[in-house]
Amino acid sequence: GDQIIATSAISFVEKPPTFGCPSGK
């Protein structure tokens, strides 16, 4: 209805690439 019952959020950051995270994102 008009009641907020749950929330979530994500922030995207970029770091130097690693083997585990080649995009760095």
PDBML (XML) file of the C-alpha atoms, coordinates in Angstrom:
<?xml version="1.0" encoding="UTF-8" ?>
<PDBx:datablock datablockName="MODEL"
   xmlns:PDBx="http://pdbml.pdb.org/schema/pdbx-v50.xsd"
   xmlns:xsi="http://www.w3.org/2001/XMLSchema-instance"
   xsi:schemaLocation="http://pdbml.pdb.org/schema/pdbx-v50.xsd pdbx-v50.xsd">
   <PDBx:atom_siteCategory>
      <PDBx:atom_site id="1">
         <PDBx:B_iso_or_equiv>0.00</PDBx:B_iso_or_equiv>
         <PDBx:Cartn_x>0.000</PDBx:Cartn_x>
         <PDBx:Cartn_y>0.000</PDBx:Cartn_y>
         <PDBx:Cartn_z>0.000</PDBx:Cartn_z>
         <PDBx:auth_asym_id>A</PDBx:auth_asym_id>
         <PDBx:auth_atom_id>CA</PDBx:auth_atom_id>
         <PDBx:auth_comp_id>GLY</PDBx:auth_comp_id>
         <PDBx:auth_seq_id>1</PDBx:auth_seq_id>
         <PDBx:group_PDB>ATOM</PDBx:group_PDB>
         <PDBx:label_alt_id xsi:nil="true" />
         <PDBx:label_asym_id>A</PDBx:label_asym_id>
         <PDBx:label_atom_id>CA</PDBx:label_atom_id>
         <PDBx:label_comp_id>GLY</PDBx:label_comp_id>
         <PDBx:label_entity_id>1</PDBx:label_entity_id>
         <PDBx:label_seq_id>1</PDBx:label_seq_id>
         <PDBx:occupancy>1.00</PDBx:occupancy>
         <PDBx:pdbx_PDB_model_num>1</PDBx:pdbx_PDB_model_num>
         <PDBx:type_symbol>C</PDBx:type_symbol>
      </PDBx:atom_site>
      <PDBx:atom_site id="2">
         <PDBx:B_iso_or_equiv>0.00</PDBx:B_iso_or_equiv>
         <PDBx:Cartn_x>1.462</PDBx:Cartn_x>
         <PDBx:Cartn_y>3.344</PDBx:Cartn_y>
         <PDBx:Cartn_z>1.010</PDBx:Cartn_z>
         <PDBx:auth_asym_id>A</PDBx:auth_asym_id>
         <PDBx:auth_atom_id>CA</PDBx:auth_atom_id>
         <PDBx:auth_comp_id>ASP</PDBx:auth_comp_id>
         <PDBx:auth_seq_id>2</PDBx:auth_seq_id>
         <PDBx:group_PDB>ATOM</PDBx:group_PDB>
         <PDBx:label_alt_id xsi:nil="true" />
         <PDBx:label_asym_id>A</PDBx:label_asym_id>
         <PDBx:label_atom_id>CA</PDBx:label_atom_id>
         <PDBx:label_comp_id>ASP</PDBx:label_comp_id>
         <PDBx:label_entity_id>1</PDBx:label_entity_id>
         <PDBx:label_seq_id>2</PDBx:label_seq_id>
         <PDBx:occupancy>1.00</PDBx:occupancy>
         <PDBx:pdbx_PDB_model_num>1</PDBx:pdbx_PDB_model_num>
         <PDBx:type_symbol>C</PDBx:type_symbol>
      </PDBx:atom_site>
      <PDBx:atom_site id="3">
         <PDBx:B_iso_or_equiv>0.00</PDBx:B_iso_or_equiv>
         <PDBx:Cartn_x>3.744</PDBx:Cartn_x>
         <PDBx:Cartn_y>1.825</PDBx:Cartn_y>
         <PDBx:Cartn_z>3.675</PDBx:Cartn_z>
         <PDBx:auth_asym_id>A</PDBx:auth_asym_id>
         <PDBx:auth_atom_id>CA</PDBx:auth_atom_id>
         <PDBx:auth_comp_id>GLN</PDBx:auth_comp_id>
         <PDBx:auth_seq_id>3</PDBx:auth_seq_id>
         <PDBx:group_PDB>ATOM</PDBx:group_PDB>
         <PDBx:label_alt_id xsi:nil="true" />
         <PDBx:label_asym_id>A</PDBx:label_asym_id>
         <PDBx:label_atom_id>CA</PDBx:label_atom_id>
         <PDBx:label_comp_id>GLN</PDBx:label_comp_id>
         <PDBx:label_entity_id>1</PDBx:label_entity_id>
         <PDBx:label_seq_id>3</PDBx:label_seq_id>
         <PDBx:occupancy>1.00</PDBx:occupancy>
         <PDBx:pdbx_PDB_model_num>1</PDBx:pdbx_PDB_model_num>
         <PDBx:type_symbol>C</PDBx:type_symbol>
      </PDBx:atom_site>
      <PDBx:atom_site id="4">
         <PDBx:B_iso_or_equiv>0.00</PDBx:B_iso_or_equiv>
         <PDBx:Cartn_x>7.458</PDBx:Cartn_x>
         <PDBx:Cartn_y>1.226</PDBx:Cartn_y>
         <PDBx:Cartn_z>2.967</PDBx:Cartn_z>
         <PDBx:auth_asym_id>A</PDBx:auth_asym_id>
         <PDBx:auth_atom_id>CA</PDBx:auth_atom_id>
         <PDBx:auth_comp_id>ILE</PDBx:auth_comp_id>
         <PDBx:auth_seq_id>4</PDBx:auth_seq_id>
         <PDBx:group_PDB>ATOM</PDBx:group_PDB>
         <PDBx:label_alt_id xsi:nil="true" />
         <PDBx:label_asym_id>A</PDBx:label_asym_id>
         <PDBx:label_atom_id>CA</PDBx:label_atom_id>
         <PDBx:label_comp_id>ILE</PDBx:label_comp_id>
         <PDBx:label_entity_id>1</PDBx:label_entity_id>
         <PDBx:label_seq_id>4</PDBx:label_seq_id>
         <PDBx:occupancy>1.00</PDBx:occupancy>
         <PDBx:pdbx_PDB_model_num>1</PDBx:pdbx_PDB_model_num>
         <PDBx:type_symbol>C</PDBx:type_symbol>
      </PDBx:atom_site>
      <PDBx:atom_site id="5">
         <PDBx:B_iso_or_equiv>0.00</PDBx:B_iso_or_equiv>
         <PDBx:Cartn_x>8.193</PDBx:Cartn_x>
         <PDBx:Cartn_y>-2.253</PDBx:Cartn_y>
         <PDBx:Cartn_z>4.314</PDBx:Cartn_z>
         <PDBx:auth_asym_id>A</PDBx:auth_asym_id>
         <PDBx:auth_atom_id>CA</PDBx:auth_atom_id>
         <PDBx:auth_comp_id>ILE</PDBx:auth_comp_id>
         <PDBx:auth_seq_id>5</PDBx:auth_seq_id>
         <PDBx:group_PDB>ATOM</PDBx:group_PDB>
         <PDBx:label_alt_id xsi:nil="true" />
         <PDBx:label_asym_id>A</PDBx:label_asym_id>
         <PDBx:label_atom_id>CA</PDBx:label_atom_id>
         <PDBx:label_comp_id>ILE</PDBx:label_comp_id>
         <PDBx:label_entity_id>1</PDBx:label_entity_id>
         <PDBx:label_seq_id>5</PDBx:label_seq_id>
         <PDBx:occupancy>1.00</PDBx:occupancy>
         <PDBx:pdbx_PDB_model_num>1</PDBx:pdbx_PDB_model_num>
         <PDBx:type_symbol>C</PDBx:type_symbol>
      </PDBx:atom_site>
      <PDBx:atom_site id="6">
         <PDBx:B_iso_or_equiv>0.00</PDBx:B_iso_or_equiv>
         <PDBx:Cartn_x>11.739</PDBx:Cartn_x>
         <PDBx:Cartn_y>-2.898</PDBx:Cartn_y>
         <PDBx:Cartn_z>3.083</PDBx:Cartn_z>
         <PDBx:auth_asym_id>A</PDBx:auth_asym_id>
         <PDBx:auth_atom_id>CA</PDBx:auth_atom_id>
         <PDBx:auth_comp_id>ALA</PDBx:auth_comp_id>
         <PDBx:auth_seq_id>6</PDBx:auth_seq_id>
         <PDBx:group_PDB>ATOM</PDBx:group_PDB>
         <PDBx:label_alt_id xsi:nil="true" />
         <PDBx:label_asym_id>A</PDBx:label_asym_id>
         <PDBx:label_atom_id>CA</PDBx:label_atom_id>
         <PDBx:label_comp_id>ALA</PDBx:label_comp_id>
         <PDBx:label_entity_id>1</PDBx:label_entity_id>
         <PDBx:label_seq_id>6</PDBx:label_seq_id>
         <PDBx:occupancy>1.00</PDBx:occupancy>
         <PDBx:pdbx_PDB_model_num>1</PDBx:pdbx_PDB_model_num>
         <PDBx:type_symbol>C</PDBx:type_symbol>
      </PDBx:atom_site>
      <PDBx:atom_site id="7">
         <PDBx:B_iso_or_equiv>0.00</PDBx:B_iso_or_equiv>
         <PDBx:Cartn_x>14.739</PDBx:Cartn_x>
         <PDBx:Cartn_y>-1.020</PDBx:Cartn_y>
         <PDBx:Cartn_z>1.718</PDBx:Cartn_z>
         <PDBx:auth_asym_id>A</PDBx:auth_asym_id>
         <PDBx:auth_atom_id>CA</PDBx:auth_atom_id>
         <PDBx:auth_comp_id>THR</PDBx:auth_comp_id>
         <PDBx:auth_seq_id>7</PDBx:auth_seq_id>
         <PDBx:group_PDB>ATOM</PDBx:group_PDB>
         <PDBx:label_alt_id xsi:nil="true" />
         <PDBx:label_asym_id>A</PDBx:label_asym_id>
         <PDBx:label_atom_id>CA</PDBx:label_atom_id>
         <PDBx:label_comp_id>THR</PDBx:label_comp_id>
         <PDBx:label_entity_id>1</PDBx:label_entity_id>
         <PDBx:label_seq_id>7</PDBx:label_seq_id>
         <PDBx:occupancy>1.00</PDBx:occupancy>
         <PDBx:pdbx_PDB_model_num>1</PDBx:pdbx_PDB_model_num>
         <PDBx:type_symbol>C</PDBx:type_symbol>
      </PDBx:atom_site>
      <PDBx:atom_site id="8">
         <PDBx:B_iso_or_equiv>0.00</PDBx:B_iso_or_equiv>
         <PDBx:Cartn_x>18.028</PDBx:Cartn_x>
         <PDBx:Cartn_y>-1.798</PDBx:Cartn_y>
         <PDBx:Cartn_z>0.029</PDBx:Cartn_z>
         <PDBx:auth_asym_id>A</PDBx:auth_asym_id>
         <PDBx:auth_atom_id>CA</PDBx:auth_atom_id>
         <PDBx:auth_comp_id>SER</PDBx:auth_comp_id>
         <PDBx:auth_seq_id>8</PDBx:auth_seq_id>
         <PDBx:group_PDB>ATOM</PDBx:group_PDB>
         <PDBx:label_alt_id xsi:nil="true" />
         <PDBx:label_asym_id>A</PDBx:label_asym_id>
         <PDBx:label_atom_id>CA</PDBx:label_atom_id>
         <PDBx:label_comp_id>SER</PDBx:label_comp_id>
         <PDBx:label_entity_id>1</PDBx:label_entity_id>
         <PDBx:label_seq_id>8</PDBx:label_seq_id>
         <PDBx:occupancy>1.00</PDBx:occupancy>
         <PDBx:pdbx_PDB_model_num>1</PDBx:pdbx_PDB_model_num>
         <PDBx:type_symbol>C</PDBx:type_symbol>
      </PDBx:atom_site>
      <PDBx:atom_site id="9">
         <PDBx:B_iso_or_equiv>0.00</PDBx:B_iso_or_equiv>
         <PDBx:Cartn_x>20.776</PDBx:Cartn_x>
         <PDBx:Cartn_y>0.100</PDBx:Cartn_y>
         <PDBx:Cartn_z>-1.761</PDBx:Cartn_z>
         <PDBx:auth_asym_id>A</PDBx:auth_asym_id>
         <PDBx:auth_atom_id>CA</PDBx:auth_atom_id>
         <PDBx:auth_comp_id>ALA</PDBx:auth_comp_id>
         <PDBx:auth_seq_id>9</PDBx:auth_seq_id>
         <PDBx:group_PDB>ATOM</PDBx:group_PDB>
         <PDBx:label_alt_id xsi:nil="true" />
         <PDBx:label_asym_id>A</PDBx:label_asym_id>
         <PDBx:label_atom_id>CA</PDBx:label_atom_id>
         <PDBx:label_comp_id>ALA</PDBx:label_comp_id>
         <PDBx:label_entity_id>1</PDBx:label_entity_id>
         <PDBx:label_seq_id>9</PDBx:label_seq_id>
         <PDBx:occupancy>1.00</PDBx:occupancy>
         <PDBx:pdbx_PDB_model_num>1</PDBx:pdbx_PDB_model_num>
         <PDBx:type_symbol>C</PDBx:type_symbol>
      </PDBx:atom_site>
      <PDBx:atom_site id="10">
         <PDBx:B_iso_or_equiv>0.00</PDBx:B_iso_or_equiv>
         <PDBx:Cartn_x>24.040</PDBx:Cartn_x>
         <PDBx:Cartn_y>-0.468</PDBx:Cartn_y>
         <PDBx:Cartn_z>-3.565</PDBx:Cartn_z>
         <PDBx:auth_asym_id>A</PDBx:auth_asym_id>
         <PDBx:auth_atom_id>CA</PDBx:auth_atom_id>
         <PDBx:auth_comp_id>ILE</PDBx:auth_comp_id>
         <PDBx:auth_seq_id>10</PDBx:auth_seq_id>
         <PDBx:group_PDB>ATOM</PDBx:group_PDB>
         <PDBx:label_alt_id xsi:nil="true" />
         <PDBx:label_asym_id>A</PDBx:label_asym_id>
         <PDBx:label_atom_id>CA</PDBx:label_atom_id>
         <PDBx:label_comp_id>ILE</PDBx:label_comp_id>
         <PDBx:label_entity_id>1</PDBx:label_entity_id>
         <PDBx:label_seq_id>10</PDBx:label_seq_id>
         <PDBx:occupancy>1.00</PDBx:occupancy>
         <PDBx:pdbx_PDB_model_num>1</PDBx:pdbx_PDB_model_num>
         <PDBx:type_symbol>C</PDBx:type_symbol>
      </PDBx:atom_site>
      <PDBx:atom_site id="11">
         <PDBx:B_iso_or_equiv>0.00</PDBx:B_iso_or_equiv>
         <PDBx:Cartn_x>26.921</PDBx:Cartn_x>
         <PDBx:Cartn_y>1.923</PDBx:Cartn_y>
         <PDBx:Cartn_z>-4.168</PDBx:Cartn_z>
         <PDBx:auth_asym_id>A</PDBx:auth_asym_id>
         <PDBx:auth_atom_id>CA</PDBx:auth_atom_id>
         <PDBx:auth_comp_id>SER</PDBx:auth_comp_id>
         <PDBx:auth_seq_id>11</PDBx:auth_seq_id>
         <PDBx:group_PDB>ATOM</PDBx:group_PDB>
         <PDBx:label_alt_id xsi:nil="true" />
         <PDBx:label_asym_id>A</PDBx:label_asym_id>
         <PDBx:label_atom_id>CA</PDBx:label_atom_id>
         <PDBx:label_comp_id>SER</PDBx:label_comp_id>
         <PDBx:label_entity_id>1</PDBx:label_entity_id>
         <PDBx:label_seq_id>11</PDBx:label_seq_id>
         <PDBx:occupancy>1.00</PDBx:occupancy>
         <PDBx:pdbx_PDB_model_num>1</PDBx:pdbx_PDB_model_num>
         <PDBx:type_symbol>C</PDBx:type_symbol>
      </PDBx:atom_site>
      <PDBx:atom_site id="12">
         <PDBx:B_iso_or_equiv>0.00</PDBx:B_iso_or_equiv>
         <PDBx:Cartn_x>29.328</PDBx:Cartn_x>
         <PDBx:Cartn_y>1.200</PDBx:Cartn_y>
         <PDBx:Cartn_z>-6.989</PDBx:Cartn_z>
         <PDBx:auth_asym_id>A</PDBx:auth_asym_id>
         <PDBx:auth_atom_id>CA</PDBx:auth_atom_id>
         <PDBx:auth_comp_id>PHE</PDBx:auth_comp_id>
         <PDBx:auth_seq_id>12</PDBx:auth_seq_id>
         <PDBx:group_PDB>ATOM</PDBx:group_PDB>
         <PDBx:label_alt_id xsi:nil="true" />
         <PDBx:label_asym_id>A</PDBx:label_asym_id>
         <PDBx:label_atom_id>CA</PDBx:label_atom_id>
         <PDBx:label_comp_id>PHE</PDBx:label_comp_id>
         <PDBx:label_entity_id>1</PDBx:label_entity_id>
         <PDBx:label_seq_id>12</PDBx:label_seq_id>
         <PDBx:occupancy>1.00</PDBx:occupancy>
         <PDBx:pdbx_PDB_model_num>1</PDBx:pdbx_PDB_model_num>
         <PDBx:type_symbol>C</PDBx:type_symbol>
      </PDBx:atom_site>
      <PDBx:atom_site id="13">
         <PDBx:B_iso_or_equiv>0.00</PDBx:B_iso_or_equiv>
         <PDBx:Cartn_x>33.021</PDBx:Cartn_x>
         <PDBx:Cartn_y>1.826</PDBx:Cartn_y>
         <PDBx:Cartn_z>-6.489</PDBx:Cartn_z>
         <PDBx:auth_asym_id>A</PDBx:auth_asym_id>
         <PDBx:auth_atom_id>CA</PDBx:auth_atom_id>
         <PDBx:auth_comp_id>VAL</PDBx:auth_comp_id>
         <PDBx:auth_seq_id>13</PDBx:auth_seq_id>
         <PDBx:group_PDB>ATOM</PDBx:group_PDB>
         <PDBx:label_alt_id xsi:nil="true" />
         <PDBx:label_asym_id>A</PDBx:label_asym_id>
         <PDBx:label_atom_id>CA</PDBx:label_atom_id>
         <PDBx:label_comp_id>VAL</PDBx:label_comp_id>
         <PDBx:label_entity_id>1</PDBx:label_entity_id>
         <PDBx:label_seq_id>13</PDBx:label_seq_id>
         <PDBx:occupancy>1.00</PDBx:occupancy>
         <PDBx:pdbx_PDB_model_num>1</PDBx:pdbx_PDB_model_num>
         <PDBx:type_symbol>C</PDBx:type_symbol>
      </PDBx:atom_site>
      <PDBx:atom_site id="14">
         <PDBx:B_iso_or_equiv>0.00</PDBx:B_iso_or_equiv>
         <PDBx:Cartn_x>35.976</PDBx:Cartn_x>
         <PDBx:Cartn_y>1.230</PDBx:Cartn_y>
         <PDBx:Cartn_z>-8.753</PDBx:Cartn_z>
         <PDBx:auth_asym_id>A</PDBx:auth_asym_id>
         <PDBx:auth_atom_id>CA</PDBx:auth_atom_id>
         <PDBx:auth_comp_id>GLU</PDBx:auth_comp_id>
         <PDBx:auth_seq_id>14</PDBx:auth_seq_id>
         <PDBx:group_PDB>ATOM</PDBx:group_PDB>
         <PDBx:label_alt_id xsi:nil="true" />
         <PDBx:label_asym_id>A</PDBx:label_asym_id>
         <PDBx:label_atom_id>CA</PDBx:label_atom_id>
         <PDBx:label_comp_id>GLU</PDBx:label_comp_id>
         <PDBx:label_entity_id>1</PDBx:label_entity_id>
         <PDBx:label_seq_id>14</PDBx:label_seq_id>
         <PDBx:occupancy>1.00</PDBx:occupancy>
         <PDBx:pdbx_PDB_model_num>1</PDBx:pdbx_PDB_model_num>
         <PDBx:type_symbol>C</PDBx:type_symbol>
      </PDBx:atom_site>
      <PDBx:atom_site id="15">
         <PDBx:B_iso_or_equiv>0.00</PDBx:B_iso_or_equiv>
         <PDBx:Cartn_x>39.382</PDBx:Cartn_x>
         <PDBx:Cartn_y>0.135</PDBx:Cartn_y>
         <PDBx:Cartn_z>-7.533</PDBx:Cartn_z>
         <PDBx:auth_asym_id>A</PDBx:auth_asym_id>
         <PDBx:auth_atom_id>CA</PDBx:auth_atom_id>
         <PDBx:auth_comp_id>LYS</PDBx:auth_comp_id>
         <PDBx:auth_seq_id>15</PDBx:auth_seq_id>
         <PDBx:group_PDB>ATOM</PDBx:group_PDB>
         <PDBx:label_alt_id xsi:nil="true" />
         <PDBx:label_asym_id>A</PDBx:label_asym_id>
         <PDBx:label_atom_id>CA</PDBx:label_atom_id>
         <PDBx:label_comp_id>LYS</PDBx:label_comp_id>
         <PDBx:label_entity_id>1</PDBx:label_entity_id>
         <PDBx:label_seq_id>15</PDBx:label_seq_id>
         <PDBx:occupancy>1.00</PDBx:occupancy>
         <PDBx:pdbx_PDB_model_num>1</PDBx:pdbx_PDB_model_num>
         <PDBx:type_symbol>C</PDBx:type_symbol>
      </PDBx:atom_site>
      <PDBx:atom_site id="16">
         <PDBx:B_iso_or_equiv>0.00</PDBx:B_iso_or_equiv>
         <PDBx:Cartn_x>42.465</PDBx:Cartn_x>
         <PDBx:Cartn_y>-1.121</PDBx:Cartn_y>
         <PDBx:Cartn_z>-9.333</PDBx:Cartn_z>
         <PDBx:auth_asym_id>A</PDBx:auth_asym_id>
         <PDBx:auth_atom_id>CA</PDBx:auth_atom_id>
         <PDBx:auth_comp_id>PRO</PDBx:auth_comp_id>
         <PDBx:auth_seq_id>16</PDBx:auth_seq_id>
         <PDBx:group_PDB>ATOM</PDBx:group_PDB>
         <PDBx:label_alt_id xsi:nil="true" />
         <PDBx:label_asym_id>A</PDBx:label_asym_id>
         <PDBx:label_atom_id>CA</PDBx:label_atom_id>
         <PDBx:label_comp_id>PRO</PDBx:label_comp_id>
         <PDBx:label_entity_id>1</PDBx:label_entity_id>
         <PDBx:label_seq_id>16</PDBx:label_seq_id>
         <PDBx:occupancy>1.00</PDBx:occupancy>
         <PDBx:pdbx_PDB_model_num>1</PDBx:pdbx_PDB_model_num>
         <PDBx:type_symbol>C</PDBx:type_symbol>
      </PDBx:atom_site>
      <PDBx:atom_site id="17">
         <PDBx:B_iso_or_equiv>0.00</PDBx:B_iso_or_equiv>
         <PDBx:Cartn_x>41.741</PDBx:Cartn_x>
         <PDBx:Cartn_y>-4.489</PDBx:Cartn_y>
         <PDBx:Cartn_z>-10.988</PDBx:Cartn_z>
         <PDBx:auth_asym_id>A</PDBx:auth_asym_id>
         <PDBx:auth_atom_id>CA</PDBx:auth_atom_id>
         <PDBx:auth_comp_id>PRO</PDBx:auth_comp_id>
         <PDBx:auth_seq_id>17</PDBx:auth_seq_id>
         <PDBx:group_PDB>ATOM</PDBx:group_PDB>
         <PDBx:label_alt_id xsi:nil="true" />
         <PDBx:label_asym_id>A</PDBx:label_asym_id>
         <PDBx:label_atom_id>CA</PDBx:label_atom_id>
         <PDBx:label_comp_id>PRO</PDBx:label_comp_id>
         <PDBx:label_entity_id>1</PDBx:label_entity_id>
         <PDBx:label_seq_id>17</PDBx:label_seq_id>
         <PDBx:occupancy>1.00</PDBx:occupancy>
         <PDBx:pdbx_PDB_model_num>1</PDBx:pdbx_PDB_model_num>
         <PDBx:type_symbol>C</PDBx:type_symbol>
      </PDBx:atom_site>
      <PDBx:atom_site id="18">
         <PDBx:B_iso_or_equiv>0.00</PDBx:B_iso_or_equiv>
         <PDBx:Cartn_x>42.724</PDBx:Cartn_x>
         <PDBx:Cartn_y>-7.709</PDBx:Cartn_y>
         <PDBx:Cartn_z>-9.221</PDBx:Cartn_z>
         <PDBx:auth_asym_id>A</PDBx:auth_asym_id>
         <PDBx:auth_atom_id>CA</PDBx:auth_atom_id>
         <PDBx:auth_comp_id>THR</PDBx:auth_comp_id>
         <PDBx:auth_seq_id>18</PDBx:auth_seq_id>
         <PDBx:group_PDB>ATOM</PDBx:group_PDB>
         <PDBx:label_alt_id xsi:nil="true" />
         <PDBx:label_asym_id>A</PDBx:label_asym_id>
         <PDBx:label_atom_id>CA</PDBx:label_atom_id>
         <PDBx:label_comp_id>THR</PDBx:label_comp_id>
         <PDBx:label_entity_id>1</PDBx:label_entity_id>
         <PDBx:label_seq_id>18</PDBx:label_seq_id>
         <PDBx:occupancy>1.00</PDBx:occupancy>
         <PDBx:pdbx_PDB_model_num>1</PDBx:pdbx_PDB_model_num>
         <PDBx:type_symbol>C</PDBx:type_symbol>
      </PDBx:atom_site>
      <PDBx:atom_site id="19">
         <PDBx:B_iso_or_equiv>0.00</PDBx:B_iso_or_equiv>
         <PDBx:Cartn_x>42.692</PDBx:Cartn_x>
         <PDBx:Cartn_y>-11.358</PDBx:Cartn_y>
         <PDBx:Cartn_z>-10.243</PDBx:Cartn_z>
         <PDBx:auth_asym_id>A</PDBx:auth_asym_id>
         <PDBx:auth_atom_id>CA</PDBx:auth_atom_id>
         <PDBx:auth_comp_id>PHE</PDBx:auth_comp_id>
         <PDBx:auth_seq_id>19</PDBx:auth_seq_id>
         <PDBx:group_PDB>ATOM</PDBx:group_PDB>
         <PDBx:label_alt_id xsi:nil="true" />
         <PDBx:label_asym_id>A</PDBx:label_asym_id>
         <PDBx:label_atom_id>CA</PDBx:label_atom_id>
         <PDBx:label_comp_id>PHE</PDBx:label_comp_id>
         <PDBx:label_entity_id>1</PDBx:label_entity_id>
         <PDBx:label_seq_id>19</PDBx:label_seq_id>
         <PDBx:occupancy>1.00</PDBx:occupancy>
         <PDBx:pdbx_PDB_model_num>1</PDBx:pdbx_PDB_model_num>
         <PDBx:type_symbol>C</PDBx:type_symbol>
      </PDBx:atom_site>
      <PDBx:atom_site id="20">
         <PDBx:B_iso_or_equiv>0.00</PDBx:B_iso_or_equiv>
         <PDBx:Cartn_x>39.518</PDBx:Cartn_x>
         <PDBx:Cartn_y>-11.829</PDBx:Cartn_y>
         <PDBx:Cartn_z>-8.204</PDBx:Cartn_z>
         <PDBx:auth_asym_id>A</PDBx:auth_asym_id>
         <PDBx:auth_atom_id>CA</PDBx:auth_atom_id>
         <PDBx:auth_comp_id>GLY</PDBx:auth_comp_id>
         <PDBx:auth_seq_id>20</PDBx:auth_seq_id>
         <PDBx:group_PDB>ATOM</PDBx:group_PDB>
         <PDBx:label_alt_id xsi:nil="true" />
         <PDBx:label_asym_id>A</PDBx:label_asym_id>
         <PDBx:label_atom_id>CA</PDBx:label_atom_id>
         <PDBx:label_comp_id>GLY</PDBx:label_comp_id>
         <PDBx:label_entity_id>1</PDBx:label_entity_id>
         <PDBx:label_seq_id>20</PDBx:label_seq_id>
         <PDBx:occupancy>1.00</PDBx:occupancy>
         <PDBx:pdbx_PDB_model_num>1</PDBx:pdbx_PDB_model_num>
         <PDBx:type_symbol>C</PDBx:type_symbol>
      </PDBx:atom_site>
      <PDBx:atom_site id="21">
         <PDBx:B_iso_or_equiv>0.00</PDBx:B_iso_or_equiv>
         <PDBx:Cartn_x>37.898</PDBx:Cartn_x>
         <PDBx:Cartn_y>-8.725</PDBx:Cartn_y>
         <PDBx:Cartn_z>-9.692</PDBx:Cartn_z>
         <PDBx:auth_asym_id>A</PDBx:auth_asym_id>
         <PDBx:auth_atom_id>CA</PDBx:auth_atom_id>
         <PDBx:auth_comp_id>CYS</PDBx:auth_comp_id>
         <PDBx:auth_seq_id>21</PDBx:auth_seq_id>
         <PDBx:group_PDB>ATOM</PDBx:group_PDB>
         <PDBx:label_alt_id xsi:nil="true" />
         <PDBx:label_asym_id>A</PDBx:label_asym_id>
         <PDBx:label_atom_id>CA</PDBx:label_atom_id>
         <PDBx:label_comp_id>CYS</PDBx:label_comp_id>
         <PDBx:label_entity_id>1</PDBx:label_entity_id>
         <PDBx:label_seq_id>21</PDBx:label_seq_id>
         <PDBx:occupancy>1.00</PDBx:occupancy>
         <PDBx:pdbx_PDB_model_num>1</PDBx:pdbx_PDB_model_num>
         <PDBx:type_symbol>C</PDBx:type_symbol>
      </PDBx:atom_site>
      <PDBx:atom_site id="22">
         <PDBx:B_iso_or_equiv>0.00</PDBx:B_iso_or_equiv>
         <PDBx:Cartn_x>39.367</PDBx:Cartn_x>
         <PDBx:Cartn_y>-7.942</PDBx:Cartn_y>
         <PDBx:Cartn_z>-13.134</PDBx:Cartn_z>
         <PDBx:auth_asym_id>A</PDBx:auth_asym_id>
         <PDBx:auth_atom_id>CA</PDBx:auth_atom_id>
         <PDBx:auth_comp_id>PRO</PDBx:auth_comp_id>
         <PDBx:auth_seq_id>22</PDBx:auth_seq_id>
         <PDBx:group_PDB>ATOM</PDBx:group_PDB>
         <PDBx:label_alt_id xsi:nil="true" />
         <PDBx:label_asym_id>A</PDBx:label_asym_id>
         <PDBx:label_atom_id>CA</PDBx:label_atom_id>
         <PDBx:label_comp_id>PRO</PDBx:label_comp_id>
         <PDBx:label_entity_id>1</PDBx:label_entity_id>
         <PDBx:label_seq_id>22</PDBx:label_seq_id>
         <PDBx:occupancy>1.00</PDBx:occupancy>
         <PDBx:pdbx_PDB_model_num>1</PDBx:pdbx_PDB_model_num>
         <PDBx:type_symbol>C</PDBx:type_symbol>
      </PDBx:atom_site>
      <PDBx:atom_site id="23">
         <PDBx:B_iso_or_equiv>0.00</PDBx:B_iso_or_equiv>
         <PDBx:Cartn_x>36.972</PDBx:Cartn_x>
         <PDBx:Cartn_y>-5.021</PDBx:Cartn_y>
         <PDBx:Cartn_z>-13.759</PDBx:Cartn_z>
         <PDBx:auth_asym_id>A</PDBx:auth_asym_id>
         <PDBx:auth_atom_id>CA</PDBx:auth_atom_id>
         <PDBx:auth_comp_id>SER</PDBx:auth_comp_id>
         <PDBx:auth_seq_id>23</PDBx:auth_seq_id>
         <PDBx:group_PDB>ATOM</PDBx:group_PDB>
         <PDBx:label_alt_id xsi:nil="true" />
         <PDBx:label_asym_id>A</PDBx:label_asym_id>
         <PDBx:label_atom_id>CA</PDBx:label_atom_id>
         <PDBx:label_comp_id>SER</PDBx:label_comp_id>
         <PDBx:label_entity_id>1</PDBx:label_entity_id>
         <PDBx:label_seq_id>23</PDBx:label_seq_id>
         <PDBx:occupancy>1.00</PDBx:occupancy>
         <PDBx:pdbx_PDB_model_num>1</PDBx:pdbx_PDB_model_num>
         <PDBx:type_symbol>C</PDBx:type_symbol>
      </PDBx:atom_site>
      <PDBx:atom_site id="24">
         <PDBx:B_iso_or_equiv>0.00</PDBx:B_iso_or_equiv>
         <PDBx:Cartn_x>37.914</PDBx:Cartn_x>
         <PDBx:Cartn_y>-3.364</PDBx:Cartn_y>
         <PDBx:Cartn_z>-10.474</PDBx:Cartn_z>
         <PDBx:auth_asym_id>A</PDBx:auth_asym_id>
         <PDBx:auth_atom_id>CA</PDBx:auth_atom_id>
         <PDBx:auth_comp_id>GLY</PDBx:auth_comp_id>
         <PDBx:auth_seq_id>24</PDBx:auth_seq_id>
         <PDBx:group_PDB>ATOM</PDBx:group_PDB>
         <PDBx:label_alt_id xsi:nil="true" />
         <PDBx:label_asym_id>A</PDBx:label_asym_id>
         <PDBx:label_atom_id>CA</PDBx:label_atom_id>
         <PDBx:label_comp_id>GLY</PDBx:label_comp_id>
         <PDBx:label_entity_id>1</PDBx:label_entity_id>
         <PDBx:label_seq_id>24</PDBx:label_seq_id>
         <PDBx:occupancy>1.00</PDBx:occupancy>
         <PDBx:pdbx_PDB_model_num>1</PDBx:pdbx_PDB_model_num>
         <PDBx:type_symbol>C</PDBx:type_symbol>
      </PDBx:atom_site>
      <PDBx:atom_site id="25">
         <PDBx:B_iso_or_equiv>0.00</PDBx:B_iso_or_equiv>
         <PDBx:Cartn_x>34.211</PDBx:Cartn_x>
         <PDBx:Cartn_y>-2.607</PDBx:Cartn_y>
         <PDBx:Cartn_z>-9.993</PDBx:Cartn_z>
         <PDBx:auth_asym_id>A</PDBx:auth_asym_id>
         <PDBx:auth_atom_id>CA</PDBx:auth_atom_id>
         <PDBx:auth_comp_id>LYS</PDBx:auth_comp_id>
         <PDBx:auth_seq_id>25</PDBx:auth_seq_id>
         <PDBx:group_PDB>ATOM</PDBx:group_PDB>
         <PDBx:label_alt_id xsi:nil="true" />
         <PDBx:label_asym_id>A</PDBx:label_asym_id>
         <PDBx:label_atom_id>CA</PDBx:label_atom_id>
         <PDBx:label_comp_id>LYS</PDBx:label_comp_id>
         <PDBx:label_entity_id>1</PDBx:label_entity_id>
         <PDBx:label_seq_id>25</PDBx:label_seq_id>
         <PDBx:occupancy>1.00</PDBx:occupancy>
         <PDBx:pdbx_PDB_model_num>1</PDBx:pdbx_PDB_model_num>
         <PDBx:type_symbol>C</PDBx:type_symbol>
      </PDBx:atom_site>
   </PDBx:atom_siteCategory>
</PDBx:datablock>
